């Protein structure tokens, strides 16, 4: 799956990073990674690992915005903020579970790298 990482500026010069994936219903996947994986990295990784290792058959998780149905082969991600039933299911993003687990690692590594880069850069205009 193609993806890119985008750094952007918030109010008062603060910066952040987001991921933009290129797949069907990518907005749901992007939201899951930014809003749910980012703050809950460890337990989400743990749940994926339990399914992929065969310790459990499947797992349903819910975060800040999205919920995910994790199965060995595929994971379905839904945006829980969507109230319309048809739209809720239409915007589901289905991803290969192994690929998604690798993407989660990559995303979390990129976030850590980004945080390190903004805390080690000198203030604007100083070098």
N, C-alpha and C. Protein backbone atom coordinates (compact mmCIF):
# COMPACT_ATOMS: atom_id res chain seq x y z
N UNK A 1 0.84 -1.17 0.00
CA UNK A 1 0.00 0.00 0.00
C UNK A 1 0.90 1.24 0.00
N UNK A 2 0.60 2.14 -0.89
CA UNK A 2 1.35 3.40 -0.94
C UNK A 2 0.95 4.28 0.23
N UNK A 3 1.94 5.03 0.74
CA UNK A 3 1.65 5.98 1.81
C UNK A 3 2.71 7.06 1.83
N UNK A 4 2.33 8.17 2.41
CA UNK A 4 3.30 9.24 2.61
C UNK A 4 3.03 9.87 3.97
N UNK A 5 4.07 10.48 4.49
CA UNK A 5 4.00 11.14 5.78
C UNK A 5 4.08 12.63 5.54
N UNK A 6 3.15 13.35 6.13
CA UNK A 6 3.05 14.79 5.89
C UNK A 6 3.22 15.53 7.21
N UNK A 7 4.19 16.43 7.23
CA UNK A 7 4.36 17.32 8.38
C UNK A 7 3.60 18.60 8.08
N UNK A 8 2.93 19.13 9.09
CA UNK A 8 2.16 20.35 8.89
C UNK A 8 2.25 21.21 10.14
N UNK A 9 1.91 22.47 9.96
CA UNK A 9 2.01 23.43 11.05
C UNK A 9 0.63 23.73 11.62
N UNK A 10 0.56 23.72 12.94
CA UNK A 10 -0.65 24.08 13.66
C UNK A 10 -0.55 25.53 14.11
N UNK A 11 -1.46 25.97 14.93
CA UNK A 11 -1.43 27.33 15.47
C UNK A 11 -0.17 27.56 16.29
N UNK A 12 0.27 28.79 16.31
CA UNK A 12 1.41 29.24 17.11
C UNK A 12 2.70 28.48 16.80
N UNK A 13 2.87 28.07 15.56
CA UNK A 13 4.12 27.46 15.13
C UNK A 13 4.32 26.01 15.54
N UNK A 14 3.35 25.41 16.21
CA UNK A 14 3.49 23.99 16.57
C UNK A 14 3.35 23.14 15.31
N UNK A 15 4.04 22.01 15.31
CA UNK A 15 4.01 21.12 14.15
C UNK A 15 3.49 19.76 14.55
N UNK A 16 2.99 19.04 13.55
CA UNK A 16 2.52 17.68 13.76
C UNK A 16 2.77 16.89 12.48
N UNK A 17 2.48 15.61 12.54
CA UNK A 17 2.68 14.73 11.40
C UNK A 17 1.42 13.89 11.22
N UNK A 18 1.11 13.56 9.97
CA UNK A 18 0.01 12.65 9.69
C UNK A 18 0.44 11.70 8.59
N UNK A 19 -0.31 10.66 8.43
CA UNK A 19 -0.05 9.67 7.39
C UNK A 19 -1.19 9.73 6.38
N UNK A 20 -0.85 9.57 5.12
CA UNK A 20 -1.85 9.53 4.06
C UNK A 20 -1.62 8.24 3.29
N UNK A 21 -2.54 7.30 3.43
CA UNK A 21 -2.45 6.01 2.74
C UNK A 21 -3.28 6.06 1.48
N UNK A 22 -2.90 5.24 0.51
CA UNK A 22 -3.61 5.18 -0.75
C UNK A 22 -4.24 3.80 -0.88
N UNK A 23 -5.48 3.69 -0.39
CA UNK A 23 -6.24 2.45 -0.51
C UNK A 23 -7.72 2.82 -0.46
N UNK A 24 -8.58 1.85 -0.69
CA UNK A 24 -10.01 2.12 -0.63
C UNK A 24 -10.38 2.55 0.79
N UNK A 25 -11.10 3.65 0.90
CA UNK A 25 -11.52 4.22 2.19
C UNK A 25 -10.32 4.54 3.09
N UNK A 26 -9.30 5.09 2.47
CA UNK A 26 -8.06 5.42 3.19
C UNK A 26 -8.29 6.40 4.33
N UNK A 27 -9.28 7.26 4.21
CA UNK A 27 -9.52 8.25 5.27
C UNK A 27 -9.80 7.55 6.61
N UNK A 28 -10.51 6.43 6.56
CA UNK A 28 -10.79 5.69 7.79
C UNK A 28 -9.50 5.11 8.36
N UNK A 29 -8.65 4.55 7.52
CA UNK A 29 -7.37 4.01 7.97
C UNK A 29 -6.48 5.12 8.53
N UNK A 30 -6.40 6.24 7.83
CA UNK A 30 -5.59 7.36 8.29
C UNK A 30 -6.06 7.84 9.67
N UNK A 31 -7.37 7.93 9.85
CA UNK A 31 -7.94 8.35 11.13
C UNK A 31 -7.59 7.36 12.22
N UNK A 32 -7.70 6.08 11.93
CA UNK A 32 -7.36 5.04 12.90
C UNK A 32 -5.90 5.18 13.36
N UNK A 33 -5.00 5.35 12.42
CA UNK A 33 -3.58 5.45 12.77
C UNK A 33 -3.30 6.71 13.59
N UNK A 34 -3.88 7.83 13.19
CA UNK A 34 -3.60 9.10 13.87
C UNK A 34 -4.33 9.24 15.20
N UNK A 35 -5.59 8.85 15.25
CA UNK A 35 -6.42 9.10 16.43
C UNK A 35 -6.43 7.96 17.44
N UNK A 36 -6.15 6.76 16.99
CA UNK A 36 -6.27 5.61 17.88
C UNK A 36 -4.94 4.89 18.12
N UNK A 37 -4.21 4.59 17.06
CA UNK A 37 -2.93 3.89 17.24
C UNK A 37 -1.93 4.79 17.95
N UNK A 38 -1.89 6.04 17.56
CA UNK A 38 -0.90 6.96 18.15
C UNK A 38 -1.01 7.03 19.67
N UNK A 39 -2.19 7.25 20.25
CA UNK A 39 -2.25 7.33 21.72
C UNK A 39 -2.28 5.97 22.43
N UNK A 40 -2.68 4.93 21.72
CA UNK A 40 -2.86 3.61 22.36
C UNK A 40 -1.96 2.55 21.73
N UNK A 41 -0.79 2.94 21.34
CA UNK A 41 0.13 2.09 20.58
C UNK A 41 0.34 0.71 21.20
N UNK A 42 0.70 0.66 22.45
CA UNK A 42 1.11 -0.61 23.06
C UNK A 42 -0.02 -1.64 23.11
N UNK A 43 -1.21 -1.26 23.59
CA UNK A 43 -2.25 -2.27 23.68
C UNK A 43 -2.81 -2.64 22.32
N UNK A 44 -2.80 -1.73 21.38
CA UNK A 44 -3.25 -2.07 20.03
C UNK A 44 -2.27 -3.05 19.39
N UNK A 45 -0.97 -2.78 19.50
CA UNK A 45 0.03 -3.72 18.97
C UNK A 45 -0.13 -5.09 19.63
N UNK A 46 -0.34 -5.09 20.93
CA UNK A 46 -0.49 -6.35 21.67
C UNK A 46 -1.68 -7.16 21.16
N UNK A 47 -2.81 -6.49 20.90
CA UNK A 47 -3.99 -7.19 20.39
C UNK A 47 -3.74 -7.75 19.00
N UNK A 48 -3.08 -7.00 18.13
CA UNK A 48 -2.74 -7.51 16.80
C UNK A 48 -1.83 -8.73 16.92
N UNK A 49 -0.84 -8.64 17.80
CA UNK A 49 0.11 -9.74 17.97
C UNK A 49 -0.56 -11.00 18.49
N UNK A 50 -1.54 -10.86 19.37
CA UNK A 50 -2.26 -12.02 19.89
C UNK A 50 -3.03 -12.73 18.78
N UNK A 51 -3.63 -11.96 17.88
CA UNK A 51 -4.36 -12.56 16.76
C UNK A 51 -3.39 -13.19 15.78
N UNK A 52 -2.34 -12.49 15.42
CA UNK A 52 -1.39 -13.01 14.43
C UNK A 52 -0.62 -14.22 14.93
N UNK A 53 -0.42 -14.33 16.24
CA UNK A 53 0.29 -15.49 16.79
C UNK A 53 -0.62 -16.69 16.98
N UNK A 54 -1.94 -16.48 16.85
CA UNK A 54 -2.89 -17.56 17.05
C UNK A 54 -3.32 -17.73 18.50
N UNK A 55 -2.85 -16.85 19.37
CA UNK A 55 -3.25 -16.91 20.78
C UNK A 55 -4.76 -16.73 20.92
N UNK A 56 -5.32 -15.83 20.10
CA UNK A 56 -6.78 -15.66 20.03
C UNK A 56 -7.18 -15.64 18.56
N UNK A 57 -8.43 -15.97 18.29
CA UNK A 57 -8.91 -16.06 16.90
C UNK A 57 -9.16 -14.69 16.32
N UNK A 58 -9.75 -13.81 17.12
CA UNK A 58 -10.07 -12.47 16.64
C UNK A 58 -10.18 -11.53 17.84
N UNK A 59 -10.22 -10.25 17.54
CA UNK A 59 -10.33 -9.25 18.60
C UNK A 59 -11.01 -8.02 18.03
N UNK A 60 -11.93 -7.47 18.79
CA UNK A 60 -12.54 -6.19 18.43
C UNK A 60 -12.01 -5.14 19.40
N UNK A 61 -11.53 -4.04 18.85
CA UNK A 61 -11.00 -2.97 19.69
C UNK A 61 -11.69 -1.66 19.32
N UNK A 62 -11.76 -0.75 20.27
CA UNK A 62 -12.30 0.58 20.04
C UNK A 62 -11.36 1.61 20.63
N UNK A 63 -11.14 2.67 19.88
CA UNK A 63 -10.28 3.75 20.36
C UNK A 63 -11.07 5.03 20.49
N UNK A 64 -10.41 6.15 20.20
CA UNK A 64 -11.05 7.46 20.29
C UNK A 64 -12.09 7.67 19.20
N UNK A 65 -11.78 7.22 17.99
CA UNK A 65 -12.64 7.50 16.84
C UNK A 65 -13.06 6.22 16.12
N UNK A 66 -12.17 5.26 16.03
CA UNK A 66 -12.43 4.07 15.22
C UNK A 66 -12.52 2.81 16.06
N UNK A 67 -13.16 1.81 15.45
CA UNK A 67 -13.13 0.47 16.01
C UNK A 67 -12.58 -0.44 14.92
N UNK A 68 -11.97 -1.54 15.35
CA UNK A 68 -11.38 -2.47 14.39
C UNK A 68 -11.75 -3.89 14.76
N UNK A 69 -12.08 -4.67 13.74
CA UNK A 69 -12.33 -6.10 13.89
C UNK A 69 -11.10 -6.80 13.33
N UNK A 70 -10.25 -7.31 14.23
CA UNK A 70 -8.98 -7.91 13.83
C UNK A 70 -9.16 -9.42 13.70
N UNK A 71 -8.89 -9.94 12.52
CA UNK A 71 -8.87 -11.37 12.26
C UNK A 71 -7.50 -11.71 11.68
N UNK A 72 -7.16 -12.99 11.64
CA UNK A 72 -5.83 -13.37 11.17
C UNK A 72 -5.55 -12.85 9.76
N UNK A 73 -6.52 -12.97 8.87
CA UNK A 73 -6.29 -12.58 7.48
C UNK A 73 -6.50 -11.08 7.24
N UNK A 74 -7.63 -10.56 7.66
CA UNK A 74 -7.97 -9.16 7.39
C UNK A 74 -8.47 -8.45 8.64
N UNK A 75 -8.30 -7.14 8.62
CA UNK A 75 -8.83 -6.29 9.68
C UNK A 75 -9.76 -5.27 9.04
N UNK A 76 -10.94 -5.11 9.64
CA UNK A 76 -11.91 -4.11 9.18
C UNK A 76 -11.92 -2.97 10.17
N UNK A 77 -11.78 -1.76 9.65
CA UNK A 77 -11.74 -0.56 10.49
C UNK A 77 -12.95 0.31 10.15
N UNK A 78 -13.64 0.75 11.19
CA UNK A 78 -14.83 1.58 11.04
C UNK A 78 -14.66 2.88 11.82
N UNK A 79 -15.22 3.96 11.28
CA UNK A 79 -15.22 5.24 11.97
C UNK A 79 -16.48 5.32 12.82
N UNK A 80 -16.33 5.29 14.14
CA UNK A 80 -17.48 5.27 15.05
C UNK A 80 -18.23 6.59 15.11
N UNK A 81 -17.65 7.66 14.58
CA UNK A 81 -18.32 8.97 14.61
C UNK A 81 -19.36 9.11 13.51
N UNK A 82 -19.37 8.19 12.57
CA UNK A 82 -20.36 8.23 11.49
C UNK A 82 -21.66 7.63 12.02
N UNK A 83 -22.71 8.42 11.98
CA UNK A 83 -23.99 8.00 12.55
C UNK A 83 -24.88 7.26 11.56
N UNK A 84 -24.75 7.57 10.28
CA UNK A 84 -25.58 6.93 9.26
C UNK A 84 -25.08 5.50 9.04
N UNK A 85 -25.98 4.51 9.21
CA UNK A 85 -25.58 3.10 9.09
C UNK A 85 -24.97 2.77 7.73
N UNK A 86 -25.60 3.25 6.66
CA UNK A 86 -25.08 2.95 5.32
C UNK A 86 -23.68 3.52 5.15
N UNK A 87 -23.49 4.77 5.53
CA UNK A 87 -22.18 5.40 5.40
C UNK A 87 -21.15 4.72 6.29
N UNK A 88 -21.56 4.31 7.48
CA UNK A 88 -20.67 3.63 8.42
C UNK A 88 -20.03 2.41 7.76
N UNK A 89 -20.85 1.58 7.10
CA UNK A 89 -20.33 0.37 6.45
C UNK A 89 -19.64 0.68 5.13
N UNK A 90 -20.12 1.69 4.41
CA UNK A 90 -19.50 2.06 3.13
C UNK A 90 -18.09 2.60 3.32
N UNK A 91 -17.81 3.23 4.44
CA UNK A 91 -16.49 3.82 4.67
C UNK A 91 -15.54 2.87 5.41
N UNK A 92 -15.96 1.63 5.60
CA UNK A 92 -15.10 0.63 6.23
C UNK A 92 -13.84 0.44 5.38
N UNK A 93 -12.72 0.36 6.06
CA UNK A 93 -11.45 0.11 5.37
C UNK A 93 -10.98 -1.29 5.77
N UNK A 94 -10.84 -2.17 4.79
CA UNK A 94 -10.38 -3.53 5.05
C UNK A 94 -8.94 -3.67 4.58
N UNK A 95 -8.08 -4.14 5.49
CA UNK A 95 -6.64 -4.21 5.22
C UNK A 95 -6.12 -5.58 5.66
N UNK A 96 -5.16 -6.10 4.92
CA UNK A 96 -4.48 -7.32 5.32
C UNK A 96 -3.88 -7.11 6.72
N UNK A 97 -4.15 -8.01 7.64
CA UNK A 97 -3.75 -7.82 9.04
C UNK A 97 -2.24 -7.75 9.21
N UNK A 98 -1.50 -8.62 8.54
CA UNK A 98 -0.03 -8.58 8.65
C UNK A 98 0.52 -7.26 8.12
N UNK A 99 -0.01 -6.83 6.98
CA UNK A 99 0.43 -5.56 6.40
C UNK A 99 0.10 -4.39 7.33
N UNK A 100 -1.08 -4.42 7.92
CA UNK A 100 -1.49 -3.35 8.83
C UNK A 100 -0.60 -3.34 10.07
N UNK A 101 -0.26 -4.51 10.59
CA UNK A 101 0.61 -4.57 11.78
C UNK A 101 1.98 -3.96 11.46
N UNK A 102 2.50 -4.23 10.26
CA UNK A 102 3.77 -3.63 9.84
C UNK A 102 3.63 -2.12 9.69
N UNK A 103 2.50 -1.70 9.13
CA UNK A 103 2.24 -0.27 8.95
C UNK A 103 2.15 0.43 10.31
N UNK A 104 1.56 -0.21 11.29
CA UNK A 104 1.47 0.36 12.63
C UNK A 104 2.87 0.59 13.20
N UNK A 105 3.75 -0.40 13.05
CA UNK A 105 5.13 -0.23 13.51
C UNK A 105 5.81 0.93 12.80
N UNK A 106 5.65 0.97 11.49
CA UNK A 106 6.27 2.03 10.69
C UNK A 106 5.75 3.40 11.11
N UNK A 107 4.44 3.52 11.26
CA UNK A 107 3.81 4.78 11.66
C UNK A 107 4.31 5.23 13.03
N UNK A 108 4.34 4.33 13.98
CA UNK A 108 4.79 4.68 15.34
C UNK A 108 6.25 5.10 15.33
N UNK A 109 7.07 4.44 14.53
CA UNK A 109 8.48 4.84 14.39
C UNK A 109 8.60 6.24 13.80
N UNK A 110 7.79 6.53 12.77
CA UNK A 110 7.82 7.86 12.14
C UNK A 110 7.40 8.94 13.13
N UNK A 111 6.39 8.65 13.94
CA UNK A 111 5.93 9.63 14.94
C UNK A 111 7.05 9.91 15.94
N UNK A 112 7.72 8.85 16.41
CA UNK A 112 8.83 9.04 17.35
C UNK A 112 9.96 9.86 16.72
N UNK A 113 10.32 9.53 15.47
CA UNK A 113 11.36 10.29 14.76
C UNK A 113 10.97 11.76 14.64
N UNK A 114 9.71 12.00 14.29
CA UNK A 114 9.22 13.37 14.15
C UNK A 114 9.30 14.12 15.47
N UNK A 115 8.85 13.49 16.54
CA UNK A 115 8.89 14.14 17.86
C UNK A 115 10.33 14.47 18.25
N UNK A 116 11.25 13.57 17.96
CA UNK A 116 12.67 13.82 18.27
C UNK A 116 13.19 14.98 17.44
N UNK A 117 12.80 15.05 16.18
CA UNK A 117 13.30 16.11 15.30
C UNK A 117 12.81 17.49 15.73
N UNK A 118 11.58 17.58 16.24
CA UNK A 118 11.09 18.90 16.63
C UNK A 118 11.59 19.31 18.01
N UNK A 119 12.01 18.35 18.82
CA UNK A 119 12.54 18.71 20.13
C UNK A 119 14.03 18.99 20.09
N UNK A 120 14.70 18.57 19.01
CA UNK A 120 16.15 18.79 18.92
C UNK A 120 16.52 19.92 17.96
N UNK A 121 15.54 20.46 17.24
CA UNK A 121 15.82 21.57 16.32
C UNK A 121 15.95 22.87 17.11
N UNK A 122 16.90 23.73 16.72
CA UNK A 122 16.99 25.04 17.38
C UNK A 122 15.78 25.89 17.01
N UNK A 123 15.41 26.86 17.84
CA UNK A 123 14.29 27.74 17.51
C UNK A 123 14.51 28.42 16.17
N UNK A 124 13.41 28.78 15.52
CA UNK A 124 13.46 29.42 14.20
C UNK A 124 14.39 30.63 14.22
N UNK A 125 15.27 30.70 13.24
CA UNK A 125 16.17 31.84 13.13
C UNK A 125 17.49 31.64 13.85
N UNK A 126 17.62 30.54 14.57
CA UNK A 126 18.88 30.27 15.28
C UNK A 126 19.49 28.99 14.71
N UNK A 127 20.80 28.98 14.61
CA UNK A 127 21.46 27.76 14.13
C UNK A 127 22.84 27.67 14.71
